[in-house]
Amino acid sequence: MLTVIAKILVKEEKIEEAKSALHALVAPTLKEDGCIDYVLHQSNDDPKLFFFYENWTDKESLENHLANVHIAEFSAKAEDLLAAPAELFFLSKL
């Protein structure tokens, strides 16, 4: 199993638009082969900060996810919504 945490900082004036765009990724991603969990979180301390907590069966499933149409559509909007590039953390359960 591969765990990914994506840290996403959005522009202050785009919080609601970004929240909607990020939330729209959840349902189609959960239907993807190899997706175990795909959970969106918003920071209690900083409403501009979002996290995805993801679990994938393997690296190939994650790579297929990153190449998916709904991710490409979000990526096209990212420059307008994000304050900085998303940070990805790849983790292994001990």
C-alpha atoms as a PDB file:
ATOM      1  CA  MET A   1       0.000   0.000   0.000  1.00  0.00           C
ATOM      2  CA  LEU A   2       1.154   3.528  -0.819  1.00  0.00           C
ATOM      3  CA  THR A   3      -0.025   6.552   1.158  1.00  0.00           C
ATOM      4  CA  VAL A   4       0.082  10.053  -0.284  1.00  0.00           C
ATOM      5  CA  ILE A   5      -0.571  13.328   1.476  1.00  0.00           C
ATOM      6  CA  ALA A   6      -1.071  16.261  -0.871  1.00  0.00           C
ATOM      7  CA  LYS A   7      -0.705  19.711   0.698  1.00  0.00           C
ATOM      8  CA  ILE A   8      -2.541  22.362  -1.309  1.00  0.00           C
ATOM      9  CA  LEU A   9      -2.378  26.090  -0.549  1.00  0.00           C
ATOM     10  CA  VAL A  10      -5.008  28.123  -2.388  1.00  0.00           C
ATOM     11  CA  LYS A  11      -5.329  31.844  -2.979  1.00  0.00           C
ATOM     12  CA  GLU A  12      -7.374  33.554  -0.270  1.00  0.00           C
ATOM     13  CA  GLU A  13      -9.835  35.012  -2.755  1.00  0.00           C
ATOM     14  CA  LYS A  14     -10.314  31.559  -4.335  1.00  0.00           C
ATOM     15  CA  ILE A  15     -11.047  29.469  -1.214  1.00  0.00           C
ATOM     16  CA  GLU A  16     -14.653  28.569  -2.070  1.00  0.00           C
ATOM     17  CA  GLU A  17     -13.941  27.990  -5.765  1.00  0.00           C
ATOM     18  CA  ALA A  18     -10.941  25.804  -4.911  1.00  0.00           C
ATOM     19  CA  LYS A  19     -12.904  23.876  -2.281  1.00  0.00           C
ATOM     20  CA  SER A  20     -15.550  23.072  -4.883  1.00  0.00           C
ATOM     21  CA  ALA A  21     -12.969  22.066  -7.516  1.00  0.00           C
ATOM     22  CA  LEU A  22     -11.067  19.867  -5.048  1.00  0.00           C
ATOM     23  CA  HIS A  23     -14.247  18.250  -3.728  1.00  0.00           C
ATOM     24  CA  ALA A  24     -15.242  17.422  -7.324  1.00  0.00           C
ATOM     25  CA  LEU A  25     -12.148  15.181  -7.558  1.00  0.00           C
ATOM     26  CA  VAL A  26     -13.267  12.874  -4.741  1.00  0.00           C
ATOM     27  CA  ALA A  27     -16.132  10.860  -6.285  1.00  0.00           C
ATOM     28  CA  PRO A  28     -14.425   9.975  -9.590  1.00  0.00           C
ATOM     29  CA  THR A  29     -11.158   9.174  -7.829  1.00  0.00           C
ATOM     30  CA  LEU A  30     -12.840   6.782  -5.395  1.00  0.00           C
ATOM     31  CA  LYS A  31     -14.081   4.798  -8.428  1.00  0.00           C
ATOM     32  CA  GLU A  32     -10.556   4.332  -9.803  1.00  0.00           C
ATOM     33  CA  ASP A  33      -8.898   0.924  -9.675  1.00  0.00           C
ATOM     34  CA  GLY A  34      -6.473   0.754  -6.778  1.00  0.00           C
ATOM     35  CA  CYS A  35      -7.923   3.658  -4.798  1.00  0.00           C
ATOM     36  CA  ILE A  36      -8.472   2.672  -1.166  1.00  0.00           C
ATOM     37  CA  ASP A  37      -9.031   6.140   0.351  1.00  0.00           C
ATOM     38  CA  TYR A  38      -9.156   9.658  -1.077  1.00  0.00           C
ATOM     39  CA  VAL A  39     -10.192  12.094   1.637  1.00  0.00           C
ATOM     40  CA  LEU A  40     -10.181  15.881   1.378  1.00  0.00           C
ATOM     41  CA  HIS A  41      -9.414  17.951   4.493  1.00  0.00           C
ATOM     42  CA  GLN A  42      -9.340  21.692   5.167  1.00  0.00           C
ATOM     43  CA  SER A  43      -7.128  23.136   7.895  1.00  0.00           C
ATOM     44  CA  ASN A  44      -8.922  24.387  11.007  1.00  0.00           C
ATOM     45  CA  ASP A  45      -6.182  26.986  11.486  1.00  0.00           C
ATOM     46  CA  ASP A  46      -5.774  28.229   7.907  1.00  0.00           C
ATOM     47  CA  PRO A  47      -8.787  27.969   5.570  1.00  0.00           C
ATOM     48  CA  LYS A  48      -6.481  28.400   2.545  1.00  0.00           C
ATOM     49  CA  LEU A  49      -4.774  25.092   3.326  1.00  0.00           C
ATOM     50  CA  PHE A  50      -6.204  21.807   2.057  1.00  0.00           C
ATOM     51  CA  PHE A  51      -4.904  18.252   2.261  1.00  0.00           C
ATOM     52  CA  PHE A  52      -5.762  15.064   0.438  1.00  0.00           C
ATOM     53  CA  TYR A  53      -5.115  11.888   2.407  1.00  0.00           C
ATOM     54  CA  GLU A  54      -4.835   9.068  -0.121  1.00  0.00           C
ATOM     55  CA  ASN A  55      -4.184   5.342   0.029  1.00  0.00           C
ATOM     56  CA  TRP A  56      -3.424   3.362  -3.123  1.00  0.00           C
ATOM     57  CA  THR A  57      -2.869  -0.351  -3.603  1.00  0.00           C
ATOM     58  CA  ASP A  58       0.336   0.300  -5.554  1.00  0.00           C
ATOM     59  CA  LYS A  59       2.409   2.871  -7.426  1.00  0.00           C
ATOM     60  CA  GLU A  60       0.867   1.949 -10.788  1.00  0.00           C
ATOM     61  CA  SER A  61      -2.619   2.824  -9.501  1.00  0.00           C
ATOM     62  CA  LEU A  62      -1.360   6.195  -8.298  1.00  0.00           C
ATOM     63  CA  GLU A  63       0.339   6.865 -11.644  1.00  0.00           C
ATOM     64  CA  ASN A  64      -2.896   6.017 -13.477  1.00  0.00           C
ATOM     65  CA  HIS A  65      -4.755   8.412 -11.168  1.00  0.00           C
ATOM     66  CA  LEU A  66      -2.340  11.250 -11.922  1.00  0.00           C
ATOM     67  CA  ALA A  67      -2.895  10.688 -15.668  1.00  0.00           C
ATOM     68  CA  ASN A  68      -6.694  10.691 -15.352  1.00  0.00           C
ATOM     69  CA  VAL A  69      -8.937  13.220 -17.113  1.00  0.00           C
ATOM     70  CA  HIS A  70     -10.404  14.774 -13.946  1.00  0.00           C
ATOM     71  CA  ILE A  71      -6.904  15.418 -12.590  1.00  0.00           C
ATOM     72  CA  ALA A  72      -5.884  17.024 -15.899  1.00  0.00           C
ATOM     73  CA  GLU A  73      -8.988  19.227 -15.793  1.00  0.00           C
ATOM     74  CA  PHE A  74      -8.134  20.366 -12.262  1.00  0.00           C
ATOM     75  CA  SER A  75      -4.510  20.975 -13.259  1.00  0.00           C
ATOM     76  CA  ALA A  76      -5.707  23.343 -15.988  1.00  0.00           C
ATOM     77  CA  LYS A  77      -7.419  25.448 -13.274  1.00  0.00           C
ATOM     78  CA  ALA A  78      -4.597  25.174 -10.745  1.00  0.00           C
ATOM     79  CA  GLU A  79      -2.649  28.290 -11.706  1.00  0.00           C
ATOM     80  CA  ASP A  80      -5.741  30.420 -11.109  1.00  0.00           C
ATOM     81  CA  LEU A  81      -6.630  28.712  -7.806  1.00  0.00           C
ATOM     82  CA  LEU A  82      -3.361  27.802  -6.098  1.00  0.00           C
ATOM     83  CA  ALA A  83      -1.028  30.139  -4.212  1.00  0.00           C
ATOM     84  CA  ALA A  84       1.857  27.663  -4.632  1.00  0.00           C
ATOM     85  CA  PRO A  85       2.437  24.314  -6.325  1.00  0.00           C
ATOM     86  CA  ALA A  86       0.949  21.380  -4.435  1.00  0.00           C
ATOM     87  CA  GLU A  87       3.381  19.468  -2.227  1.00  0.00           C
ATOM     88  CA  LEU A  88       3.177  15.677  -2.330  1.00  0.00           C
ATOM     89  CA  PHE A  89       4.426  13.426   0.457  1.00  0.00           C
ATOM     90  CA  PHE A  90       4.788   9.700  -0.272  1.00  0.00           C
ATOM     91  CA  LEU A  91       4.609   7.483   2.810  1.00  0.00           C
ATOM     92  CA  SER A  92       4.915   3.813   3.683  1.00  0.00           C
ATOM     93  CA  LYS A  93       3.176   2.304   6.684  1.00  0.00           C
ATOM     94  CA  LEU A  94       5.594   0.872   9.244  1.00  0.00           C
END
